[in-house]
N, C-alpha and C. Protein backbone atom coordinates (compact mmCIF):
# COMPACT_ATOMS: atom_id res chain seq x y z
N UNK A 1 0.89 -1.33 0.05
CA UNK A 1 0.20 0.29 -0.15
C UNK A 1 0.65 1.24 -0.04
N UNK A 2 2.11 1.22 0.62
CA UNK A 2 2.78 2.37 0.55
C UNK A 2 3.48 2.40 -0.35
N UNK A 3 3.68 1.53 -1.35
CA UNK A 3 3.90 1.23 -2.75
C UNK A 3 3.60 2.34 -3.81
N UNK A 4 2.24 1.77 -3.49
CA UNK A 4 1.30 2.42 -4.50
C UNK A 4 0.86 3.74 -4.39
N UNK A 5 1.24 4.25 -2.78
CA UNK A 5 0.84 5.83 -2.70
C UNK A 5 2.20 6.30 -3.30
N UNK A 6 3.11 5.96 -3.27
CA UNK A 6 4.89 6.62 -3.71
C UNK A 6 4.52 6.16 -5.12
N UNK A 7 4.33 5.80 -5.84
CA UNK A 7 3.81 5.91 -7.32
C UNK A 7 2.93 7.17 -7.32
N UNK A 8 2.02 6.73 -7.13
CA UNK A 8 0.46 8.15 -7.11
C UNK A 8 1.06 9.55 -6.68
N UNK A 9 1.48 9.40 -5.81
CA UNK A 9 2.65 10.75 -5.75
C UNK A 9 3.54 11.37 -6.66
N UNK A 10 4.39 10.21 -7.03
CA UNK A 10 4.97 10.64 -8.83
C UNK A 10 4.39 11.24 -9.58
N UNK A 11 3.12 10.08 -10.16
CA UNK A 11 1.97 10.70 -11.02
C UNK A 11 1.29 11.95 -10.87
N UNK A 12 1.23 12.63 -9.38
CA UNK A 12 0.78 13.26 -9.22
C UNK A 12 2.26 14.82 -9.22
N UNK A 13 3.16 14.53 -9.16
CA UNK A 13 3.89 15.67 -9.33
C UNK A 13 4.48 15.42 -10.88
N UNK A 14 4.85 14.15 -11.42
CA UNK A 14 5.04 14.58 -13.11
C UNK A 14 3.79 15.28 -13.92
N UNK A 15 2.55 15.29 -13.41
CA UNK A 15 1.28 15.55 -14.05
C UNK A 15 1.35 16.94 -13.72
N UNK A 16 1.78 17.56 -12.85
CA UNK A 16 1.76 19.00 -12.43
C UNK A 16 2.74 19.21 -13.34
N UNK A 17 3.65 19.02 -13.60
CA UNK A 17 4.88 19.47 -13.85
C UNK A 17 4.67 19.52 -16.25
N UNK A 18 3.92 17.88 -16.10
CA UNK A 18 3.81 17.75 -17.77
C UNK A 18 3.12 19.76 -18.42
N UNK A 19 1.71 19.38 -17.58
CA UNK A 19 1.48 20.09 -17.60
C UNK A 19 1.38 21.95 -17.58
N UNK A 20 2.06 21.92 -16.82
CA UNK A 20 2.91 23.52 -17.02
C UNK A 20 3.15 23.29 -18.96
N UNK A 21 2.59 25.04 -19.07
CA UNK A 21 3.59 25.56 -20.43
C UNK A 21 4.93 24.95 -20.65
N UNK A 22 5.75 24.57 -20.87
CA UNK A 22 7.32 24.60 -21.33
C UNK A 22 7.24 24.34 -23.06
N UNK A 23 8.90 24.59 -22.60
CA UNK A 23 9.48 23.77 -24.70
C UNK A 23 9.22 22.64 -24.93
N UNK A 24 8.79 21.74 -24.52
CA UNK A 24 8.20 20.42 -25.30
C UNK A 24 6.98 20.28 -25.12
N UNK A 25 5.83 21.37 -24.67
CA UNK A 25 4.51 21.60 -25.06
C UNK A 25 4.09 22.57 -26.34
N UNK A 26 5.69 23.72 -25.82
CA UNK A 26 5.55 24.45 -27.68
C UNK A 26 6.15 23.90 -28.80
N UNK A 27 6.87 23.04 -28.61
CA UNK A 27 7.21 22.30 -29.45
C UNK A 27 6.01 21.59 -30.27
N UNK A 28 5.40 20.56 -29.61
CA UNK A 28 4.23 19.60 -29.97
C UNK A 28 3.29 20.62 -30.53
N UNK A 29 3.27 21.56 -30.22
CA UNK A 29 1.95 22.41 -30.39
C UNK A 29 2.39 22.90 -31.72
N UNK A 30 3.34 23.67 -32.19
CA UNK A 30 4.00 24.09 -33.30
C UNK A 30 3.75 22.90 -34.74
N UNK A 31 4.52 21.80 -33.93
CA UNK A 31 4.62 21.17 -35.47
C UNK A 31 2.94 20.64 -35.66
N UNK A 32 2.37 20.52 -34.55
CA UNK A 32 0.66 19.95 -34.94
C UNK A 32 0.31 21.40 -35.95
N UNK A 33 0.14 22.47 -35.36
CA UNK A 33 -0.40 23.23 -36.28
C UNK A 33 0.22 24.05 -37.07
N UNK A 34 1.49 23.82 -37.02
CA UNK A 34 2.25 24.04 -38.80
C UNK A 34 2.17 22.92 -39.52
N UNK A 35 2.09 21.69 -39.14
CA UNK A 35 2.62 20.96 -40.29
C UNK A 35 1.43 19.31 -39.87
N UNK A 36 0.05 19.38 -38.88
CA UNK A 36 -1.04 18.47 -38.83
C UNK A 36 -0.76 17.66 -38.36
N UNK A 37 -1.76 16.88 -37.46
CA UNK A 37 -1.89 16.35 -36.61
C UNK A 37 -0.48 15.03 -36.47
N UNK A 38 -0.40 14.56 -37.40
CA UNK A 38 0.57 13.46 -37.89
C UNK A 38 1.82 14.20 -37.31
N UNK A 39 1.92 15.27 -37.67
CA UNK A 39 3.42 15.76 -36.65
C UNK A 39 3.66 15.93 -35.57
N UNK A 40 2.44 16.11 -34.81
CA UNK A 40 2.54 16.80 -33.80
C UNK A 40 2.33 15.65 -33.27
N UNK A 41 1.82 14.15 -33.61
CA UNK A 41 1.80 12.75 -32.63
C UNK A 41 3.81 12.74 -32.82
N UNK A 42 3.60 12.81 -33.60
CA UNK A 42 5.23 12.31 -34.40
C UNK A 42 6.28 13.20 -33.26
N UNK A 43 6.25 14.27 -32.71
CA UNK A 43 6.47 15.25 -32.38
C UNK A 43 6.43 14.70 -30.66
N UNK A 44 5.33 14.27 -30.53
CA UNK A 44 4.78 13.75 -29.04
C UNK A 44 6.28 12.59 -28.73
N UNK A 45 5.78 11.71 -29.81
CA UNK A 45 7.49 10.28 -29.69
C UNK A 45 8.38 10.67 -29.37
N UNK A 46 8.74 11.70 -30.01
CA UNK A 46 10.06 12.19 -29.87
C UNK A 46 10.06 12.33 -28.27
N UNK A 47 9.25 13.72 -27.67
CA UNK A 47 9.37 13.61 -26.78
C UNK A 47 9.31 12.85 -25.77
N UNK A 48 8.77 11.58 -25.50
CA UNK A 48 8.66 10.82 -24.95
C UNK A 48 9.80 9.90 -24.72
N UNK A 49 10.80 9.61 -26.26
CA UNK A 49 11.84 9.37 -26.29
C UNK A 49 12.88 9.82 -25.50
N UNK A 50 12.68 11.00 -25.40
CA UNK A 50 13.62 12.04 -24.70
C UNK A 50 13.64 11.61 -23.43
N UNK A 51 12.45 11.41 -23.20
CA UNK A 51 12.36 11.70 -21.05
C UNK A 51 12.48 10.59 -20.97
N UNK A 52 12.46 9.08 -21.89
CA UNK A 52 13.24 7.91 -21.55
C UNK A 52 14.91 8.22 -21.55
N UNK A 53 15.11 8.97 -22.32
CA UNK A 53 16.86 8.68 -22.16
C UNK A 53 17.04 10.05 -20.53
N UNK A 54 16.24 10.66 -20.35
CA UNK A 54 16.59 11.07 -18.80
C UNK A 54 16.15 10.03 -17.93
N UNK A 55 15.02 9.68 -18.44
CA UNK A 55 14.27 8.38 -17.17
C UNK A 55 16.41 7.71 -16.46
N UNK A 56 17.08 7.23 -18.35
CA UNK A 56 17.90 5.84 -17.97
C UNK A 56 19.36 6.78 -16.86
N UNK A 57 19.44 8.43 -17.96
CA UNK A 57 20.48 9.20 -17.05
C UNK A 57 20.24 9.06 -15.23
N UNK A 58 18.59 9.53 -14.98
CA UNK A 58 18.87 9.55 -13.76
C UNK A 58 19.05 8.19 -12.44
N UNK A 59 18.50 7.04 -13.48
CA UNK A 59 19.04 5.96 -13.42
C UNK A 59 20.45 5.13 -13.17
N UNK A 60 20.84 5.92 -13.79
CA UNK A 60 22.41 5.74 -13.95
C UNK A 60 23.45 6.56 -13.01
N UNK A 61 23.14 7.36 -12.22
CA UNK A 61 23.80 8.09 -11.63
C UNK A 61 23.93 9.45 -12.23
N UNK A 62 23.69 10.01 -13.65
CA UNK A 62 24.26 11.20 -14.35
C UNK A 62 23.58 12.09 -13.71
N UNK A 63 22.67 12.15 -12.93
CA UNK A 63 21.97 13.75 -12.16
C UNK A 63 22.77 13.58 -10.89
N UNK A 64 23.46 12.76 -10.16
CA UNK A 64 24.93 12.90 -9.39
C UNK A 64 25.88 13.67 -9.75
N UNK A 65 26.18 12.80 -10.87
CA UNK A 65 27.43 14.06 -11.82
C UNK A 65 27.27 14.97 -11.59
N UNK A 66 26.10 15.59 -12.61
CA UNK A 66 25.78 17.02 -12.46
C UNK A 66 25.46 17.96 -11.77
N UNK A 67 25.40 16.82 -10.01
CA UNK A 67 25.23 17.66 -9.02
C UNK A 67 26.87 18.04 -8.81
N UNK A 68 27.82 17.20 -9.01
CA UNK A 68 29.14 17.35 -8.34
C UNK A 68 29.91 18.06 -9.22
N UNK A 69 29.12 18.26 -10.55
CA UNK A 69 30.19 18.93 -11.84
C UNK A 69 28.93 20.30 -12.25
N UNK A 70 28.80 21.50 -11.17
CA UNK A 70 27.67 22.15 -11.35
C UNK A 70 27.88 22.65 -13.27
N UNK A 71 29.45 23.35 -13.30
CA UNK A 71 29.63 23.67 -14.68
C UNK A 71 29.13 22.89 -16.04
N UNK A 72 28.87 21.35 -15.90
CA UNK A 72 28.05 20.73 -16.75
C UNK A 72 26.30 21.18 -17.03
N UNK A 73 26.28 21.44 -15.79
CA UNK A 73 24.41 22.57 -16.14
C UNK A 73 24.44 23.48 -16.60
N UNK A 74 25.34 24.51 -16.61
CA UNK A 74 25.41 25.29 -17.33
C UNK A 74 25.66 25.04 -18.22
N UNK A 75 26.55 24.53 -19.15
CA UNK A 75 26.87 24.69 -20.36
C UNK A 75 25.66 23.54 -21.06
N UNK A 76 24.82 22.74 -20.59
CA UNK A 76 23.79 22.55 -21.01
C UNK A 76 21.84 23.16 -21.27
N UNK A 77 22.21 24.22 -20.09
CA UNK A 77 21.39 25.05 -20.11
C UNK A 77 21.54 26.15 -21.25
N UNK A 78 22.66 26.32 -21.55
CA UNK A 78 23.17 27.39 -22.99
C UNK A 78 22.86 26.84 -24.27
N UNK A 79 23.05 25.39 -24.21
CA UNK A 79 23.22 24.19 -24.89
C UNK A 79 21.65 24.63 -25.89
N UNK A 80 20.63 24.36 -24.48
CA UNK A 80 19.38 23.92 -25.06
C UNK A 80 18.67 25.21 -25.44
N UNK A 81 19.36 26.61 -24.72
CA UNK A 81 19.41 27.47 -25.34
C UNK A 81 19.08 28.33 -26.33
N UNK A 82 20.80 27.92 -27.00
CA UNK A 82 20.80 27.79 -28.60
C UNK A 82 19.58 27.01 -29.41
N UNK A 83 19.81 25.91 -29.03
CA UNK A 83 18.92 25.23 -29.94
C UNK A 83 16.69 25.38 -29.88
N UNK A 84 17.05 25.91 -28.87
CA UNK A 84 15.53 26.59 -29.03
C UNK A 84 14.98 27.28 -29.46
N UNK A 85 15.92 28.43 -29.15
CA UNK A 85 16.72 29.45 -29.83
C UNK A 85 15.95 29.43 -31.86
N UNK A 86 17.36 29.15 -32.20
CA UNK A 86 16.99 28.24 -33.78
C UNK A 86 15.50 27.84 -34.11
N UNK A 87 15.09 27.15 -33.32
CA UNK A 87 13.79 26.41 -33.79
C UNK A 87 12.99 27.86 -33.84
N UNK A 88 12.93 28.83 -32.68
CA UNK A 88 11.87 30.06 -32.34
C UNK A 88 12.17 30.70 -33.92
N UNK A 89 13.68 30.89 -34.30
CA UNK A 89 13.76 31.73 -35.58
C UNK A 89 13.63 30.79 -36.48
N UNK A 90 13.28 29.72 -37.11
CA UNK A 90 13.05 29.42 -38.10
C UNK A 90 11.80 29.63 -38.37
N UNK A 91 10.96 29.48 -37.18
CA UNK A 91 9.36 30.09 -37.65
C UNK A 91 9.84 31.13 -37.64
N UNK A 92 9.65 32.29 -36.85
CA UNK A 92 9.65 33.51 -37.25
C UNK A 92 10.26 33.98 -38.88
N UNK A 93 10.91 33.07 -39.40
CA UNK A 93 11.48 33.25 -40.95
C UNK A 93 10.47 32.65 -41.68
N UNK A 94 9.36 31.87 -41.26
CA UNK A 94 8.98 30.96 -42.07
C UNK A 94 8.05 32.26 -43.30
N UNK A 95 8.12 31.45 -44.20
CA UNK A 95 6.62 31.88 -45.11
C UNK A 95 5.44 30.97 -45.68
N UNK A 96 4.12 32.25 -45.56
CA UNK A 96 2.95 31.13 -45.85
C UNK A 96 2.93 30.01 -46.35
N UNK A 97 1.97 28.90 -46.31
CA UNK A 97 2.16 27.85 -47.25
C UNK A 97 3.47 26.93 -47.19
N UNK A 98 4.45 27.44 -46.03
CA UNK A 98 5.90 26.50 -46.27
C UNK A 98 5.54 24.55 -45.49
N UNK A 99 4.36 25.25 -44.80
CA UNK A 99 4.45 23.98 -43.82
C UNK A 99 3.23 23.16 -44.83
N UNK A 100 3.24 21.59 -45.04
CA UNK A 100 2.29 20.98 -45.23
C UNK A 100 2.52 20.60 -46.86
N UNK A 101 4.23 21.32 -47.78
CA UNK A 101 4.25 20.97 -48.65
C UNK A 101 4.75 19.82 -48.90
N UNK A 102 5.17 19.30 -48.19
CA UNK A 102 6.31 18.15 -48.50
C UNK A 102 5.34 17.21 -49.28
N UNK A 103 6.13 16.48 -50.43
CA UNK A 103 5.47 15.37 -51.47
C UNK A 103 5.75 13.84 -50.50
N UNK A 104 5.05 13.48 -51.17
CA UNK A 104 4.93 11.77 -50.27
C UNK A 104 7.17 11.06 -50.08
N UNK A 105 7.27 11.31 -51.36
CA UNK A 105 8.81 11.30 -51.23
C UNK A 105 9.77 11.52 -50.28
N UNK A 106 9.41 12.93 -49.48
CA UNK A 106 10.33 13.46 -48.71
C UNK A 106 9.32 13.55 -47.06
N UNK A 107 8.29 13.23 -47.46
CA UNK A 107 7.04 13.23 -45.88
C UNK A 107 8.03 12.00 -45.16
N UNK A 108 8.32 10.96 -45.34
CA UNK A 108 9.15 9.73 -43.81
C UNK A 108 9.92 10.81 -43.57
N UNK A 109 10.63 11.07 -44.00
CA UNK A 109 12.29 12.02 -43.85
C UNK A 109 12.03 13.35 -43.16
N UNK A 110 10.40 13.98 -42.84
CA UNK A 110 10.32 15.31 -42.53
C UNK A 110 9.64 14.52 -41.30
N UNK A 111 9.33 13.60 -41.28
CA UNK A 111 8.85 12.53 -40.05
C UNK A 111 9.96 12.47 -38.83
N UNK A 112 10.78 11.54 -39.63
CA UNK A 112 11.67 11.49 -38.93
C UNK A 112 12.65 13.11 -38.27
N UNK A 113 13.32 14.19 -39.14
CA UNK A 113 13.76 15.53 -38.72
C UNK A 113 12.63 15.90 -37.47
N UNK A 114 11.18 15.76 -37.42
CA UNK A 114 10.54 16.54 -36.52
C UNK A 114 10.68 15.35 -35.13
N UNK A 115 10.58 14.48 -35.44
CA UNK A 115 11.18 13.32 -34.09
C UNK A 115 12.53 13.39 -33.67
N UNK A 116 13.30 13.58 -34.44
CA UNK A 116 14.59 14.22 -33.93
C UNK A 116 14.60 15.35 -33.24
N UNK A 117 14.05 16.75 -33.38
CA UNK A 117 13.69 17.90 -33.45
C UNK A 117 13.54 17.76 -31.63
N UNK A 118 12.52 17.28 -31.78
CA UNK A 118 11.41 16.61 -30.33
C UNK A 118 12.40 15.78 -29.28
N UNK A 119 12.96 15.14 -29.96
CA UNK A 119 13.96 14.27 -28.86
C UNK A 119 15.13 15.05 -28.47
N UNK A 120 15.49 16.17 -29.12
CA UNK A 120 16.63 16.84 -28.87
C UNK A 120 15.71 18.06 -27.90
N UNK A 121 15.04 18.80 -28.08
CA UNK A 121 14.20 19.51 -27.31
C UNK A 121 14.20 18.90 -25.97
N UNK A 122 13.87 17.53 -26.18
CA UNK A 122 13.43 17.27 -24.73
C UNK A 122 14.65 17.05 -23.51
N UNK A 123 15.61 16.55 -24.67
CA UNK A 123 17.12 16.74 -23.76
C UNK A 123 17.98 18.28 -23.20
N UNK A 124 17.28 18.47 -24.13
CA UNK A 124 18.35 20.16 -23.96
C UNK A 124 17.11 20.81 -22.67
N UNK A 125 15.89 19.84 -22.93
CA UNK A 125 14.56 21.03 -21.15
C UNK A 125 15.42 20.71 -20.25
N UNK A 126 15.48 22.37 -19.56
CA UNK A 126 16.39 22.42 -18.20
C UNK A 126 15.57 22.16 -17.21
N UNK A 127 13.84 22.13 -17.46
CA UNK A 127 13.44 21.60 -16.39
C UNK A 127 13.25 19.97 -16.42
N UNK A 128 13.45 19.40 -17.78
CA UNK A 128 13.88 17.87 -17.25
C UNK A 128 14.67 17.47 -16.18
N UNK A 129 15.66 18.50 -16.20
CA UNK A 129 16.86 18.27 -15.20
C UNK A 129 16.45 18.54 -14.32
N UNK A 130 16.40 19.37 -13.87
CA UNK A 130 15.92 20.49 -13.01
C UNK A 130 15.22 19.13 -12.05
N UNK A 131 13.89 18.68 -12.79
CA UNK A 131 13.24 17.05 -12.10
C UNK A 131 14.29 16.17 -11.93
N UNK A 132 15.04 15.63 -12.50
CA UNK A 132 15.93 14.75 -12.27
C UNK A 132 17.21 14.74 -11.07
N UNK A 133 17.30 15.77 -11.17
CA UNK A 133 18.09 16.54 -9.65
C UNK A 133 17.31 16.37 -9.01
N UNK A 134 16.35 16.94 -8.64
CA UNK A 134 15.29 17.45 -7.62
C UNK A 134 14.73 16.73 -7.06
N UNK A 135 13.83 15.82 -7.93
CA UNK A 135 12.68 14.96 -7.81
C UNK A 135 13.22 13.55 -7.69
N UNK A 136 13.32 13.24 -8.69
CA UNK A 136 13.16 11.33 -9.54
C UNK A 136 13.81 10.63 -8.53
N UNK A 137 15.58 10.84 -7.68
CA UNK A 137 15.82 10.43 -6.56
C UNK A 137 15.40 10.56 -5.36
N UNK A 138 14.36 11.11 -5.16
CA UNK A 138 13.96 10.42 -4.03
C UNK A 138 12.90 9.42 -3.89
N UNK A 139 12.33 9.07 -5.52
CA UNK A 139 11.62 8.11 -5.91
C UNK A 139 12.11 6.69 -5.68
N UNK A 140 13.78 6.98 -5.89
CA UNK A 140 13.95 5.77 -5.98
C UNK A 140 15.18 4.86 -4.58
N UNK A 141 13.93 3.43 -4.34
CA UNK A 141 14.42 3.69 -2.42
C UNK A 141 14.89 1.68 -2.64
N UNK A 142 15.59 1.64 -2.16
CA UNK A 142 16.37 0.28 -1.78
C UNK A 142 15.01 -0.61 -1.43
N UNK A 143 14.44 -0.11 -0.49
CA UNK A 143 13.32 -1.17 0.60
C UNK A 143 12.36 -1.86 -0.66
N UNK A 144 12.80 -0.79 -1.74
CA UNK A 144 11.09 -1.35 -2.82
C UNK A 144 11.46 -2.56 -4.15
N UNK A 145 12.95 -2.28 -3.79
CA UNK A 145 13.56 -3.32 -4.60
C UNK A 145 14.54 -3.48 -5.71
N UNK A 146 15.36 -3.31 -6.93
CA UNK A 146 15.98 -3.59 -7.77
C UNK A 146 16.03 -2.24 -8.23
N UNK A 147 16.19 -1.23 -8.09
CA UNK A 147 16.47 0.15 -8.50
C UNK A 147 15.97 0.24 -10.08
N UNK A 148 16.72 -0.50 -10.63
CA UNK A 148 16.10 -0.34 -12.23
C UNK A 148 14.90 -0.82 -12.52
N UNK A 149 13.99 -1.75 -11.76
CA UNK A 149 12.97 -2.26 -11.71
C UNK A 149 11.74 -1.02 -11.23
N UNK A 150 12.39 -0.41 -10.37
CA UNK A 150 11.80 0.75 -10.08
C UNK A 150 12.04 2.16 -11.07
N UNK A 151 13.05 2.15 -11.46
CA UNK A 151 13.26 3.21 -12.61
C UNK A 151 12.20 2.82 -14.06
N UNK A 152 12.34 1.91 -14.11
CA UNK A 152 11.91 1.09 -15.58
C UNK A 152 9.86 1.27 -15.10
N UNK A 153 9.70 1.38 -14.19
CA UNK A 153 7.91 1.68 -13.64
C UNK A 153 7.59 3.45 -13.58
N UNK A 154 9.14 3.94 -12.90
CA UNK A 154 8.49 5.39 -13.00
C UNK A 154 8.97 5.97 -14.27
N UNK A 155 9.92 5.49 -15.00
CA UNK A 155 9.62 5.93 -16.71
C UNK A 155 8.23 5.58 -17.61
N UNK A 156 7.77 4.67 -17.16
CA UNK A 156 6.09 4.37 -17.57
C UNK A 156 5.13 5.44 -16.81
N UNK A 157 5.25 5.64 -16.40
CA UNK A 157 4.61 6.98 -15.68
C UNK A 157 4.95 7.68 -16.29
N UNK A 158 6.21 8.41 -16.61
CA UNK A 158 6.67 9.37 -17.03
C UNK A 158 5.86 9.34 -18.43
N UNK A 159 6.32 8.41 -19.12
CA UNK A 159 6.12 8.52 -20.65
C UNK A 159 3.87 7.76 -21.21
N UNK A 160 3.46 7.53 -20.26
CA UNK A 160 2.25 7.52 -20.45
C UNK A 160 1.50 9.10 -20.10
N UNK A 161 2.22 9.32 -19.05
CA UNK A 161 1.22 10.85 -19.01
C UNK A 161 1.71 11.85 -19.97
N UNK A 162 2.71 11.86 -20.58
CA UNK A 162 3.51 12.67 -21.45
C UNK A 162 2.47 12.22 -22.33
N UNK A 163 2.71 11.08 -23.46
CA UNK A 163 1.14 10.67 -24.07
C UNK A 163 0.23 11.76 -23.79
N UNK A 164 -0.59 11.27 -22.81
CA UNK A 164 -1.77 11.65 -22.81
C UNK A 164 -2.09 12.76 -22.59
N UNK A 165 -1.06 13.93 -21.88
CA UNK A 165 -1.53 15.48 -22.31
C UNK A 165 -0.94 15.90 -23.50
N UNK A 166 0.37 15.60 -24.08
CA UNK A 166 0.78 16.54 -25.28
C UNK A 166 0.49 15.67 -26.38
N UNK A 167 -0.33 14.05 -26.51
CA UNK A 167 -0.97 13.70 -27.33
C UNK A 167 -2.32 14.43 -27.53
N UNK A 168 -2.73 14.82 -26.29
CA UNK A 168 -4.11 15.22 -26.48
C UNK A 168 -3.99 16.78 -27.41
N UNK A 169 -2.80 17.16 -27.10
CA UNK A 169 -2.92 19.16 -27.77
C UNK A 169 -2.62 18.63 -28.86
N UNK A 170 -2.16 17.49 -29.42
CA UNK A 170 -1.48 17.58 -30.84
C UNK A 170 -2.50 16.77 -31.37
N UNK A 171 -3.63 16.04 -31.44
CA UNK A 171 -5.06 16.18 -31.64
C UNK A 171 -5.77 17.27 -31.93
N UNK A 172 -6.34 18.19 -30.52
CA UNK A 172 -6.96 19.10 -30.73
C UNK A 172 -5.82 19.89 -31.59
N UNK A 173 -4.62 20.29 -31.65
CA UNK A 173 -4.00 21.34 -32.34
C UNK A 173 -4.42 21.18 -33.97
N UNK A 174 -3.58 20.06 -33.93
CA UNK A 174 -3.56 18.92 -35.50
C UNK A 174 -5.06 18.86 -35.99
N UNK A 175 -6.53 19.64 -35.24
CA UNK A 175 -7.38 19.62 -35.40
C UNK A 175 -7.94 21.03 -36.34
N UNK A 176 -7.20 21.79 -35.71
CA UNK A 176 -7.30 23.20 -36.29
C UNK A 176 -6.04 23.18 -37.84
N UNK A 177 -5.45 22.40 -37.71
CA UNK A 177 -4.24 22.59 -38.95
C UNK A 177 -4.93 22.63 -40.31
N UNK A 178 -6.29 21.84 -40.25
CA UNK A 178 -6.67 22.38 -41.38
C UNK A 178 -7.44 23.77 -42.17
N UNK A 179 -7.66 23.84 -41.42
CA UNK A 179 -8.61 25.44 -41.23
C UNK A 179 -6.71 26.42 -41.53
N UNK A 180 -5.64 26.25 -41.00
CA UNK A 180 -4.72 27.16 -40.66
C UNK A 180 -4.40 26.93 -42.29
N UNK A 181 -4.26 25.61 -43.11
CA UNK A 181 -3.88 25.38 -44.14
C UNK A 181 -4.70 26.12 -45.34
N UNK A 182 -6.19 26.36 -45.00
CA UNK A 182 -6.69 27.39 -46.07
C UNK A 182 -6.52 28.61 -46.14
N UNK A 183 -6.08 28.99 -44.77
CA UNK A 183 -5.72 30.32 -44.51
C UNK A 183 -3.94 30.42 -44.35
N UNK A 184 -3.38 30.34 -45.35
CA UNK A 184 -1.78 30.54 -45.06
C UNK A 184 -1.13 31.78 -43.94
N UNK A 185 -1.95 32.86 -43.96
CA UNK A 185 -1.87 34.12 -43.62
C UNK A 185 -1.67 34.17 -42.02
N UNK A 186 -3.18 33.30 -40.90
CA UNK A 186 -3.07 32.97 -40.54
C UNK A 186 -2.46 32.27 -39.58
N UNK A 187 -1.78 31.07 -40.57
CA UNK A 187 -0.89 29.81 -40.37
C UNK A 187 0.73 30.60 -39.79
N UNK A 188 1.07 31.59 -40.50
CA UNK A 188 1.91 32.46 -40.74
C UNK A 188 1.89 33.15 -38.91
N UNK A 189 0.95 33.42 -39.36
CA UNK A 189 0.96 34.52 -37.65
C UNK A 189 1.28 33.55 -36.56
N UNK A 190 0.77 32.51 -36.40
CA UNK A 190 0.57 31.61 -35.48
C UNK A 190 1.87 31.03 -35.05
N UNK A 191 2.49 30.95 -36.12
CA UNK A 191 3.78 29.97 -36.37
C UNK A 191 4.97 30.73 -35.82
N UNK A 192 4.88 31.91 -35.93
CA UNK A 192 5.61 33.42 -35.43
C UNK A 192 5.53 33.59 -34.19
N UNK A 193 4.20 32.99 -33.75
CA UNK A 193 3.79 33.16 -32.59
C UNK A 193 4.66 32.89 -31.38
N UNK A 194 4.32 31.02 -32.29
CA UNK A 194 5.03 30.20 -31.13
C UNK A 194 6.74 29.77 -31.08
N UNK A 195 6.95 30.74 -32.86
CA UNK A 195 8.56 31.39 -32.71
C UNK A 195 8.88 32.51 -31.23
N UNK A 196 8.16 33.35 -30.84
CA UNK A 196 8.34 34.15 -30.49
C UNK A 196 8.27 33.63 -28.97
N UNK A 197 7.50 32.97 -28.63
CA UNK A 197 7.51 32.13 -27.72
C UNK A 197 8.86 30.99 -27.00
N UNK A 198 8.90 30.51 -28.05
CA UNK A 198 10.61 29.68 -27.91
C UNK A 198 11.66 30.38 -28.10
N UNK A 199 11.62 31.60 -28.39
CA UNK A 199 12.42 32.36 -28.52
C UNK A 199 12.70 32.82 -26.89
N UNK A 200 11.67 33.36 -26.29
CA UNK A 200 11.28 34.00 -24.96
C UNK A 200 11.96 32.60 -24.16
N UNK A 201 11.35 31.48 -24.28
CA UNK A 201 11.69 30.23 -23.31
C UNK A 201 13.31 30.52 -23.45
N UNK A 202 13.84 30.84 -24.50
CA UNK A 202 15.00 30.18 -24.96
C UNK A 202 16.38 31.35 -23.83
N UNK A 203 15.60 32.61 -23.84
CA UNK A 203 16.00 33.58 -23.06
C UNK A 203 16.43 33.46 -21.70
N UNK A 204 15.21 33.04 -21.03
CA UNK A 204 15.26 32.86 -19.94
C UNK A 204 15.68 31.67 -19.81
N UNK A 205 15.75 30.92 -20.47
CA UNK A 205 17.22 29.23 -20.38
C UNK A 205 18.27 29.98 -19.96
N UNK A 206 18.68 31.04 -21.16
CA UNK A 206 19.96 31.24 -20.81
C UNK A 206 19.98 32.25 -19.97
N UNK A 207 19.46 33.18 -19.07
CA UNK A 207 19.35 33.97 -18.14
C UNK A 207 19.78 33.25 -17.10
N UNK A 208 19.02 32.02 -16.75
CA UNK A 208 19.50 30.94 -15.61
C UNK A 208 20.54 30.41 -15.95
N UNK A 209 21.11 30.40 -16.64
CA UNK A 209 22.24 29.70 -16.84
C UNK A 209 23.47 30.75 -16.47
N UNK A 210 23.36 32.03 -16.71
CA UNK A 210 24.43 33.26 -16.65
C UNK A 210 23.80 33.60 -15.04
N UNK A 211 23.02 33.23 -14.45
CA UNK A 211 23.01 33.65 -13.02
C UNK A 211 23.19 32.65 -11.93
N UNK A 212 23.37 31.16 -12.29
CA UNK A 212 24.30 30.38 -11.68
C UNK A 212 25.13 30.40 -12.20
N UNK A 213 26.10 31.53 -12.68
CA UNK A 213 27.65 31.02 -12.44
C UNK A 213 28.28 31.90 -11.39
């Protein structure tokens, strides 16, 4: 019973963090609105894959390493800020009608590119590292059995929560992509709005990195 309460508390904490607007959510939203429902779901898959990498890193003690070497945290924060800024700049420079013009021959490549970008966005998301440093280790307890089994269980909770929240967002935003495709001007304004949000998020991430110096 105590172990079940332990997992339930973890789920509530993960849900509270995921539903807060952040870089992962912004990327899923941008992918769905500019390229359709499929791209949004591919972005969700990339975010989930990145989340599993975070879980593996936490389970193998990378979080402890980051605590012992604070300089690595700053480097990762700055790298994440630069990458997110690059995505935001790409959206700001987008032209009307660019989204959704991939031919069938390039569609698979485009989906793969979306998956890679989503995964990298998650891997460079400072919110995820703060979670792994401050919260995740507290739920790995020797008395509950092998640590790797606990990490798998916690990872599944994270993945299911991400799929539920981000997947629902991708489907909802994807439904609006058809309307936006018929109105290129509105789609461009929306894409640039998301680009501005990503640029602001990148600026805040970079600021937090410099403040930690």
